[in-house]
């Protein structure tokens, strides 16, 4: 059985109700431990803006769903699926788990059905493109994976 981690705990941890421990942060990559589960968060800025508009979160264990956080005001709720492309290869489409989305004042979040094998791709590849639509507008984020090997290694060592 796969496990849903309540995504808002990451942000609630900053308020003090649930702790979110940060193990690594460099560039677009953050390794965090929330409610006993470690995950790699990849920040996705819009265009050349530095502020993060979305976050893709990948867990090291297959029994957890992946997560996609989207900024509520600029993006809203992503629809149906997310496409992930590594180094201009064939896109990998990942559907959202139905009826599991949530939100707070700033973020919306959804769970991805399967991110199996994705950590290895993040570690080995040079670039990643993340695409999705909110039903009205399509969004595309390109992330350089330079430095991702250290982030993935830290994630796999996180306990």
N, C-alpha and C. Protein backbone atom coordinates (compact mmCIF):
# COMPACT_ATOMS: atom_id res chain seq x y z
N UNK A 1 0.84 -1.19 0.00
CA UNK A 1 0.00 0.00 0.00
C UNK A 1 0.88 1.25 0.00
N UNK A 2 0.55 2.17 -0.84
CA UNK A 2 1.33 3.40 -0.92
C UNK A 2 0.84 4.40 0.10
N UNK A 3 1.71 5.30 0.48
CA UNK A 3 1.43 6.21 1.58
C UNK A 3 1.36 7.65 1.08
N UNK A 4 0.36 8.37 1.55
CA UNK A 4 0.27 9.81 1.29
C UNK A 4 0.86 10.54 2.47
N UNK A 5 1.81 11.40 2.22
CA UNK A 5 2.35 12.27 3.26
C UNK A 5 1.59 13.58 3.15
N UNK A 6 1.09 14.05 4.23
CA UNK A 6 0.34 15.30 4.19
C UNK A 6 1.30 16.43 3.86
N UNK A 7 1.23 16.90 2.64
CA UNK A 7 2.18 17.87 2.11
C UNK A 7 2.22 19.16 2.90
N UNK A 8 1.10 19.57 3.42
CA UNK A 8 1.11 20.85 4.11
C UNK A 8 1.96 20.82 5.37
N UNK A 9 2.33 19.65 5.87
CA UNK A 9 3.18 19.57 7.05
C UNK A 9 4.51 20.26 6.79
N UNK A 10 4.97 20.26 5.55
CA UNK A 10 6.23 20.95 5.23
C UNK A 10 6.12 22.41 5.62
N UNK A 11 5.02 23.01 5.27
CA UNK A 11 4.85 24.43 5.51
C UNK A 11 4.35 24.69 6.92
N UNK A 12 3.56 23.81 7.48
CA UNK A 12 3.08 23.96 8.85
C UNK A 12 4.25 23.81 9.82
N UNK A 13 5.26 23.04 9.43
CA UNK A 13 6.43 22.86 10.28
C UNK A 13 7.11 24.18 10.60
N UNK A 14 7.01 25.13 9.69
CA UNK A 14 7.61 26.43 9.92
C UNK A 14 6.88 27.19 11.03
N UNK A 15 5.60 26.87 11.24
CA UNK A 15 4.81 27.52 12.26
C UNK A 15 5.04 26.86 13.62
N UNK A 16 5.44 25.60 13.63
CA UNK A 16 5.76 24.94 14.87
C UNK A 16 4.87 23.76 15.21
N UNK A 17 3.84 23.48 14.41
CA UNK A 17 2.95 22.37 14.74
C UNK A 17 3.55 21.03 14.35
N UNK A 18 4.28 20.97 13.27
CA UNK A 18 4.96 19.75 12.82
C UNK A 18 6.35 20.15 12.35
N UNK A 19 7.36 19.38 12.69
CA UNK A 19 8.71 19.77 12.32
C UNK A 19 9.09 19.24 10.94
N UNK A 20 9.75 20.07 10.18
CA UNK A 20 10.32 19.71 8.89
C UNK A 20 11.81 20.01 8.99
N UNK A 21 12.61 18.97 8.92
CA UNK A 21 14.05 19.13 9.07
C UNK A 21 14.71 19.18 7.70
N UNK A 22 15.51 20.21 7.46
CA UNK A 22 16.20 20.38 6.18
C UNK A 22 17.61 19.81 6.31
N UNK A 23 17.96 18.86 5.41
CA UNK A 23 19.27 18.22 5.43
C UNK A 23 20.23 18.80 4.39
N UNK A 24 19.67 19.32 3.30
CA UNK A 24 20.52 19.78 2.20
C UNK A 24 19.73 20.84 1.42
N UNK A 25 20.41 21.89 1.02
CA UNK A 25 19.79 22.89 0.15
C UNK A 25 20.88 23.51 -0.71
N UNK A 26 20.74 23.35 -2.00
CA UNK A 26 21.70 23.91 -2.95
C UNK A 26 20.99 24.10 -4.28
N UNK A 27 20.95 25.33 -4.77
CA UNK A 27 20.30 25.60 -6.04
C UNK A 27 18.82 25.22 -5.98
N UNK A 28 18.37 24.44 -6.94
CA UNK A 28 16.97 24.04 -7.02
C UNK A 28 16.63 22.87 -6.10
N UNK A 29 17.62 22.29 -5.43
CA UNK A 29 17.43 21.04 -4.69
C UNK A 29 17.42 21.23 -3.18
N UNK A 30 16.42 20.63 -2.54
CA UNK A 30 16.33 20.62 -1.09
C UNK A 30 15.96 19.21 -0.65
N UNK A 31 16.68 18.69 0.34
CA UNK A 31 16.33 17.41 0.94
C UNK A 31 15.76 17.71 2.31
N UNK A 32 14.54 17.23 2.54
CA UNK A 32 13.80 17.52 3.75
C UNK A 32 13.25 16.24 4.35
N UNK A 33 13.11 16.24 5.67
CA UNK A 33 12.47 15.13 6.37
C UNK A 33 11.23 15.69 7.05
N UNK A 34 10.07 15.13 6.68
CA UNK A 34 8.79 15.57 7.22
C UNK A 34 8.04 14.35 7.73
N UNK A 35 7.64 14.40 9.00
CA UNK A 35 6.89 13.29 9.58
C UNK A 35 7.58 11.95 9.37
N UNK A 36 8.90 11.92 9.48
CA UNK A 36 9.66 10.69 9.39
C UNK A 36 10.00 10.24 7.98
N UNK A 37 9.56 10.97 6.97
CA UNK A 37 9.84 10.60 5.58
C UNK A 37 10.73 11.64 4.92
N UNK A 38 11.80 11.18 4.29
CA UNK A 38 12.71 12.08 3.59
C UNK A 38 12.28 12.22 2.14
N UNK A 39 12.49 13.41 1.57
CA UNK A 39 12.12 13.64 0.18
C UNK A 39 13.05 14.66 -0.45
N UNK A 40 13.18 14.58 -1.77
CA UNK A 40 13.92 15.55 -2.55
C UNK A 40 12.92 16.50 -3.17
N UNK A 41 13.08 17.79 -2.89
CA UNK A 41 12.23 18.80 -3.50
C UNK A 41 13.03 19.53 -4.57
N UNK A 42 12.44 19.65 -5.74
CA UNK A 42 13.07 20.36 -6.85
C UNK A 42 12.23 21.60 -7.13
N UNK A 43 12.84 22.77 -6.92
CA UNK A 43 12.15 24.05 -7.12
C UNK A 43 12.00 24.33 -8.61
N UNK A 44 10.82 24.80 -9.00
CA UNK A 44 10.53 25.09 -10.40
C UNK A 44 10.12 26.56 -10.52
N UNK A 45 11.06 27.44 -10.90
CA UNK A 45 10.71 28.85 -11.07
C UNK A 45 10.11 29.12 -12.45
N UNK A 46 9.19 30.08 -12.51
CA UNK A 46 8.61 30.48 -13.79
C UNK A 46 9.63 31.33 -14.56
N UNK A 47 9.81 31.02 -15.82
CA UNK A 47 10.73 31.76 -16.69
C UNK A 47 12.09 31.95 -16.02
N UNK A 48 12.55 33.17 -15.97
CA UNK A 48 13.85 33.44 -15.36
C UNK A 48 13.70 34.04 -13.97
N UNK A 49 12.48 33.97 -13.43
CA UNK A 49 12.24 34.47 -12.08
C UNK A 49 12.97 33.57 -11.09
N UNK A 50 13.37 34.13 -9.99
CA UNK A 50 14.07 33.33 -8.99
C UNK A 50 13.14 32.74 -7.96
N UNK A 51 11.94 33.32 -7.82
CA UNK A 51 11.02 32.78 -6.83
C UNK A 51 10.31 31.53 -7.38
N UNK A 52 10.13 30.58 -6.53
CA UNK A 52 9.59 29.28 -6.90
C UNK A 52 8.08 29.35 -7.13
N UNK A 53 7.63 28.85 -8.27
CA UNK A 53 6.20 28.82 -8.59
C UNK A 53 5.63 27.42 -8.40
N UNK A 54 6.49 26.41 -8.41
CA UNK A 54 6.05 25.02 -8.21
C UNK A 54 7.21 24.23 -7.62
N UNK A 55 6.88 23.11 -6.99
CA UNK A 55 7.89 22.21 -6.41
C UNK A 55 7.51 20.78 -6.75
N UNK A 56 8.45 20.04 -7.29
CA UNK A 56 8.27 18.61 -7.53
C UNK A 56 9.01 17.87 -6.41
N UNK A 57 8.31 17.00 -5.70
CA UNK A 57 8.92 16.26 -4.60
C UNK A 57 8.93 14.77 -4.92
N UNK A 58 10.11 14.16 -4.72
CA UNK A 58 10.30 12.74 -5.01
C UNK A 58 10.81 12.06 -3.75
N UNK A 59 10.23 10.93 -3.42
CA UNK A 59 10.63 10.16 -2.25
C UNK A 59 11.54 9.02 -2.66
N UNK A 60 12.44 8.58 -1.78
CA UNK A 60 13.36 7.50 -2.15
C UNK A 60 12.71 6.12 -2.14
N UNK A 61 11.55 5.99 -1.54
CA UNK A 61 10.88 4.70 -1.46
C UNK A 61 9.64 4.71 -2.34
N UNK A 62 9.42 3.61 -3.05
CA UNK A 62 8.31 3.53 -3.99
C UNK A 62 6.95 3.46 -3.32
N UNK A 63 6.90 3.19 -2.01
CA UNK A 63 5.59 3.12 -1.36
C UNK A 63 4.99 4.50 -1.10
N UNK A 64 5.76 5.57 -1.37
CA UNK A 64 5.23 6.92 -1.24
C UNK A 64 4.88 7.46 -2.62
N UNK A 65 3.84 8.28 -2.68
CA UNK A 65 3.52 8.99 -3.90
C UNK A 65 4.49 10.17 -4.04
N UNK A 66 4.67 10.63 -5.25
CA UNK A 66 5.39 11.88 -5.46
C UNK A 66 4.43 13.03 -5.17
N UNK A 67 4.95 14.25 -5.13
CA UNK A 67 4.10 15.41 -4.85
C UNK A 67 4.40 16.53 -5.85
N UNK A 68 3.39 17.28 -6.18
CA UNK A 68 3.57 18.51 -6.95
C UNK A 68 2.87 19.63 -6.19
N UNK A 69 3.66 20.62 -5.77
CA UNK A 69 3.13 21.82 -5.14
C UNK A 69 3.07 22.89 -6.21
N UNK A 70 2.00 23.65 -6.27
CA UNK A 70 1.90 24.76 -7.21
C UNK A 70 1.44 26.00 -6.45
N UNK A 71 2.01 27.14 -6.83
CA UNK A 71 1.62 28.39 -6.19
C UNK A 71 0.16 28.67 -6.55
N UNK A 72 -0.60 28.89 -5.53
CA UNK A 72 -2.05 29.02 -5.69
C UNK A 72 -2.46 30.18 -6.60
N UNK A 73 -1.85 31.36 -6.43
CA UNK A 73 -2.28 32.54 -7.19
C UNK A 73 -1.80 32.54 -8.63
N UNK A 74 -0.56 32.16 -8.87
CA UNK A 74 -0.01 32.24 -10.24
C UNK A 74 -0.33 31.02 -11.09
N UNK A 75 -0.49 29.86 -10.47
CA UNK A 75 -0.68 28.64 -11.24
C UNK A 75 -2.02 27.98 -10.94
N UNK A 76 -2.36 27.81 -9.70
CA UNK A 76 -3.60 27.12 -9.34
C UNK A 76 -3.39 25.62 -9.33
N UNK A 77 -4.44 24.88 -9.60
CA UNK A 77 -4.41 23.42 -9.54
C UNK A 77 -4.06 22.84 -10.91
N UNK A 78 -3.02 22.02 -10.95
CA UNK A 78 -2.66 21.34 -12.19
C UNK A 78 -3.72 20.28 -12.51
N UNK A 79 -3.93 20.01 -13.78
CA UNK A 79 -4.97 19.10 -14.21
C UNK A 79 -4.42 17.79 -14.78
N UNK A 80 -5.01 16.69 -14.43
CA UNK A 80 -4.83 15.35 -15.00
C UNK A 80 -3.47 14.72 -14.81
N UNK A 81 -2.41 15.37 -15.33
CA UNK A 81 -1.10 14.70 -15.34
C UNK A 81 0.02 15.73 -15.41
N UNK A 82 1.23 15.24 -15.17
CA UNK A 82 2.43 16.03 -15.35
C UNK A 82 3.35 15.25 -16.28
N UNK A 83 3.98 15.94 -17.23
CA UNK A 83 4.95 15.31 -18.13
C UNK A 83 6.34 15.70 -17.68
N UNK A 84 7.22 14.70 -17.57
CA UNK A 84 8.60 14.94 -17.18
C UNK A 84 9.51 14.41 -18.28
N UNK A 85 10.41 15.26 -18.73
CA UNK A 85 11.30 14.92 -19.84
C UNK A 85 12.74 15.12 -19.37
N UNK A 86 13.55 14.09 -19.52
CA UNK A 86 14.97 14.17 -19.18
C UNK A 86 15.79 14.24 -20.46
N UNK A 87 16.62 15.24 -20.60
CA UNK A 87 17.54 15.40 -21.73
C UNK A 87 16.88 15.18 -23.09
N UNK A 88 15.73 15.78 -23.28
CA UNK A 88 15.00 15.74 -24.56
C UNK A 88 14.61 14.33 -25.00
N UNK A 89 14.50 13.42 -24.05
CA UNK A 89 14.05 12.07 -24.38
C UNK A 89 12.52 12.04 -24.40
N UNK A 90 11.96 10.87 -24.57
CA UNK A 90 10.52 10.69 -24.61
C UNK A 90 9.90 11.14 -23.27
N UNK A 91 8.82 11.92 -23.31
CA UNK A 91 8.19 12.38 -22.07
C UNK A 91 7.62 11.21 -21.25
N UNK A 92 7.71 11.35 -19.96
CA UNK A 92 7.10 10.39 -19.04
C UNK A 92 5.89 11.09 -18.43
N UNK A 93 4.70 10.58 -18.71
CA UNK A 93 3.47 11.16 -18.17
C UNK A 93 3.10 10.47 -16.88
N UNK A 94 2.84 11.26 -15.85
CA UNK A 94 2.47 10.72 -14.55
C UNK A 94 1.13 11.34 -14.15
N UNK A 95 0.15 10.50 -13.93
CA UNK A 95 -1.17 10.97 -13.54
C UNK A 95 -1.19 11.36 -12.07
N UNK A 96 -2.12 12.24 -11.73
CA UNK A 96 -2.33 12.61 -10.34
C UNK A 96 -3.24 11.58 -9.69
N UNK A 97 -3.03 11.34 -8.41
CA UNK A 97 -3.91 10.47 -7.65
C UNK A 97 -5.23 11.24 -7.49
N UNK A 98 -6.35 10.64 -7.90
CA UNK A 98 -7.62 11.37 -7.85
C UNK A 98 -8.04 11.75 -6.42
N UNK A 99 -8.64 12.91 -6.31
CA UNK A 99 -9.26 13.40 -5.08
C UNK A 99 -8.35 13.43 -3.86
N UNK A 100 -7.08 13.78 -4.08
CA UNK A 100 -6.14 13.88 -2.95
C UNK A 100 -5.49 15.25 -2.88
N UNK A 101 -5.99 16.20 -3.65
CA UNK A 101 -5.37 17.52 -3.64
C UNK A 101 -5.73 18.27 -2.36
N UNK A 102 -4.87 19.22 -2.02
CA UNK A 102 -5.08 20.04 -0.84
C UNK A 102 -4.54 21.42 -1.08
N UNK A 103 -4.75 22.31 -0.13
CA UNK A 103 -4.23 23.67 -0.29
C UNK A 103 -4.14 24.37 1.05
N UNK A 104 -3.36 25.45 1.05
CA UNK A 104 -3.32 26.38 2.16
C UNK A 104 -3.39 27.78 1.54
N UNK A 105 -3.01 28.80 2.26
CA UNK A 105 -3.12 30.16 1.74
C UNK A 105 -2.20 30.43 0.54
N UNK A 106 -1.10 29.71 0.45
CA UNK A 106 -0.10 29.99 -0.59
C UNK A 106 0.03 28.88 -1.64
N UNK A 107 -0.08 27.62 -1.23
CA UNK A 107 0.20 26.48 -2.11
C UNK A 107 -1.03 25.61 -2.33
N UNK A 108 -1.00 24.92 -3.46
CA UNK A 108 -1.90 23.80 -3.73
C UNK A 108 -0.98 22.60 -3.91
N UNK A 109 -1.43 21.42 -3.54
CA UNK A 109 -0.59 20.24 -3.74
C UNK A 109 -1.42 19.07 -4.19
N UNK A 110 -0.74 18.20 -4.94
CA UNK A 110 -1.34 16.99 -5.47
C UNK A 110 -0.31 15.88 -5.40
N UNK A 111 -0.80 14.66 -5.41
CA UNK A 111 0.08 13.50 -5.34
C UNK A 111 0.18 12.84 -6.71
N UNK A 112 1.40 12.41 -7.05
CA UNK A 112 1.68 11.77 -8.34
C UNK A 112 1.65 10.26 -8.15
N UNK A 113 1.05 9.55 -9.10
CA UNK A 113 0.88 8.11 -8.96
C UNK A 113 2.19 7.33 -8.83
N UNK A 114 3.16 7.60 -9.69
CA UNK A 114 4.40 6.81 -9.62
C UNK A 114 5.60 7.64 -10.06
N UNK A 115 6.57 7.70 -9.18
CA UNK A 115 7.83 8.36 -9.54
C UNK A 115 8.96 7.33 -9.53
N UNK A 116 8.61 6.08 -9.68
CA UNK A 116 9.58 4.99 -9.64
C UNK A 116 10.69 5.21 -10.68
N UNK A 117 11.93 5.08 -10.24
CA UNK A 117 13.08 5.23 -11.12
C UNK A 117 13.48 6.66 -11.41
N UNK A 118 12.72 7.61 -10.93
CA UNK A 118 12.99 9.00 -11.26
C UNK A 118 14.24 9.55 -10.57
N UNK A 119 14.52 9.11 -9.36
CA UNK A 119 15.73 9.59 -8.66
C UNK A 119 16.99 9.27 -9.44
N UNK A 120 17.04 8.09 -10.02
CA UNK A 120 18.20 7.70 -10.82
C UNK A 120 18.34 8.62 -12.03
N UNK A 121 17.22 8.97 -12.64
CA UNK A 121 17.25 9.88 -13.79
C UNK A 121 17.73 11.27 -13.37
N UNK A 122 17.23 11.75 -12.23
CA UNK A 122 17.64 13.07 -11.73
C UNK A 122 19.14 13.08 -11.49
N UNK A 123 19.66 11.99 -10.96
CA UNK A 123 21.09 11.90 -10.64
C UNK A 123 21.96 11.81 -11.89
N UNK A 124 21.50 11.10 -12.92
CA UNK A 124 22.33 10.82 -14.09
C UNK A 124 22.21 11.84 -15.23
N UNK A 125 21.10 12.52 -15.33
CA UNK A 125 20.83 13.38 -16.49
C UNK A 125 21.32 14.80 -16.28
N UNK A 126 21.26 15.59 -17.37
CA UNK A 126 21.72 16.98 -17.34
C UNK A 126 20.60 17.99 -17.13
N UNK A 127 19.44 17.72 -17.74
CA UNK A 127 18.32 18.67 -17.68
C UNK A 127 17.01 17.91 -17.51
N UNK A 128 16.05 18.61 -16.91
CA UNK A 128 14.72 18.04 -16.72
C UNK A 128 13.70 19.12 -17.08
N UNK A 129 12.69 18.73 -17.84
CA UNK A 129 11.59 19.64 -18.17
C UNK A 129 10.33 19.06 -17.52
N UNK A 130 9.60 19.91 -16.82
CA UNK A 130 8.35 19.52 -16.17
C UNK A 130 7.24 20.34 -16.83
N UNK A 131 6.22 19.63 -17.35
CA UNK A 131 5.11 20.31 -18.03
C UNK A 131 3.79 19.87 -17.43
N UNK A 132 2.87 20.83 -17.30
CA UNK A 132 1.50 20.52 -16.90
C UNK A 132 0.61 21.69 -17.25
N UNK A 133 -0.69 21.49 -17.12
CA UNK A 133 -1.66 22.52 -17.44
C UNK A 133 -2.62 22.68 -16.26
N UNK A 134 -3.12 23.90 -16.09
CA UNK A 134 -4.13 24.12 -15.06
C UNK A 134 -5.53 24.14 -15.67
N UNK A 135 -5.63 23.76 -16.93
CA UNK A 135 -6.91 23.75 -17.64
C UNK A 135 -7.09 24.97 -18.52
N UNK A 136 -6.43 26.07 -18.18
CA UNK A 136 -6.51 27.31 -18.97
C UNK A 136 -5.18 27.64 -19.61
N UNK A 137 -4.10 27.32 -18.91
CA UNK A 137 -2.77 27.69 -19.37
C UNK A 137 -1.82 26.52 -19.15
N UNK A 138 -0.89 26.35 -20.08
CA UNK A 138 0.14 25.32 -19.93
C UNK A 138 1.39 25.94 -19.33
N UNK A 139 2.06 25.18 -18.48
CA UNK A 139 3.28 25.63 -17.83
C UNK A 139 4.41 24.67 -18.16
N UNK A 140 5.59 25.22 -18.37
CA UNK A 140 6.77 24.42 -18.67
C UNK A 140 7.95 24.97 -17.86
N UNK A 141 8.60 24.09 -17.12
CA UNK A 141 9.73 24.46 -16.29
C UNK A 141 10.94 23.65 -16.71
N UNK A 142 12.06 24.30 -16.96
CA UNK A 142 13.30 23.61 -17.29
C UNK A 142 14.27 23.79 -16.12
N UNK A 143 14.82 22.67 -15.66
CA UNK A 143 15.71 22.68 -14.51
C UNK A 143 17.03 22.02 -14.90
N UNK A 144 18.13 22.70 -14.64
CA UNK A 144 19.44 22.09 -14.80
C UNK A 144 19.64 21.13 -13.64
N UNK A 145 20.10 19.93 -13.94
CA UNK A 145 20.31 18.93 -12.91
C UNK A 145 21.74 18.92 -12.38
N UNK A 146 22.49 19.97 -12.71
CA UNK A 146 23.85 20.09 -12.19
C UNK A 146 23.79 20.18 -10.66
N UNK A 147 24.53 19.36 -9.99
CA UNK A 147 24.51 19.32 -8.53
C UNK A 147 23.49 18.36 -7.95
N UNK A 148 22.72 17.71 -8.80
CA UNK A 148 21.67 16.82 -8.31
C UNK A 148 22.22 15.53 -7.70
N UNK A 149 23.41 15.10 -8.12
CA UNK A 149 24.00 13.87 -7.58
C UNK A 149 24.19 13.98 -6.07
N UNK A 150 24.69 15.11 -5.61
CA UNK A 150 24.89 15.29 -4.17
C UNK A 150 23.55 15.32 -3.44
N UNK A 151 22.55 15.94 -4.03
CA UNK A 151 21.22 15.99 -3.42
C UNK A 151 20.61 14.60 -3.30
N UNK A 152 20.71 13.80 -4.37
CA UNK A 152 20.16 12.44 -4.35
C UNK A 152 20.93 11.58 -3.35
N UNK A 153 22.24 11.71 -3.31
CA UNK A 153 23.05 10.95 -2.34
C UNK A 153 22.64 11.30 -0.92
N UNK A 154 22.44 12.59 -0.63
CA UNK A 154 22.01 13.03 0.69
C UNK A 154 20.62 12.45 1.01
N UNK A 155 19.74 12.45 0.03
CA UNK A 155 18.41 11.88 0.22
C UNK A 155 18.48 10.40 0.58
N UNK A 156 19.30 9.65 -0.14
CA UNK A 156 19.40 8.21 0.11
C UNK A 156 20.04 7.90 1.46
N UNK A 157 20.81 8.83 2.00
CA UNK A 157 21.43 8.65 3.31
C UNK A 157 20.54 9.16 4.44
N UNK A 158 19.50 9.90 4.11
CA UNK A 158 18.61 10.50 5.10
C UNK A 158 17.83 9.40 5.83
N UNK A 159 17.86 9.48 7.15
CA UNK A 159 17.13 8.48 7.95
C UNK A 159 16.37 9.15 9.05
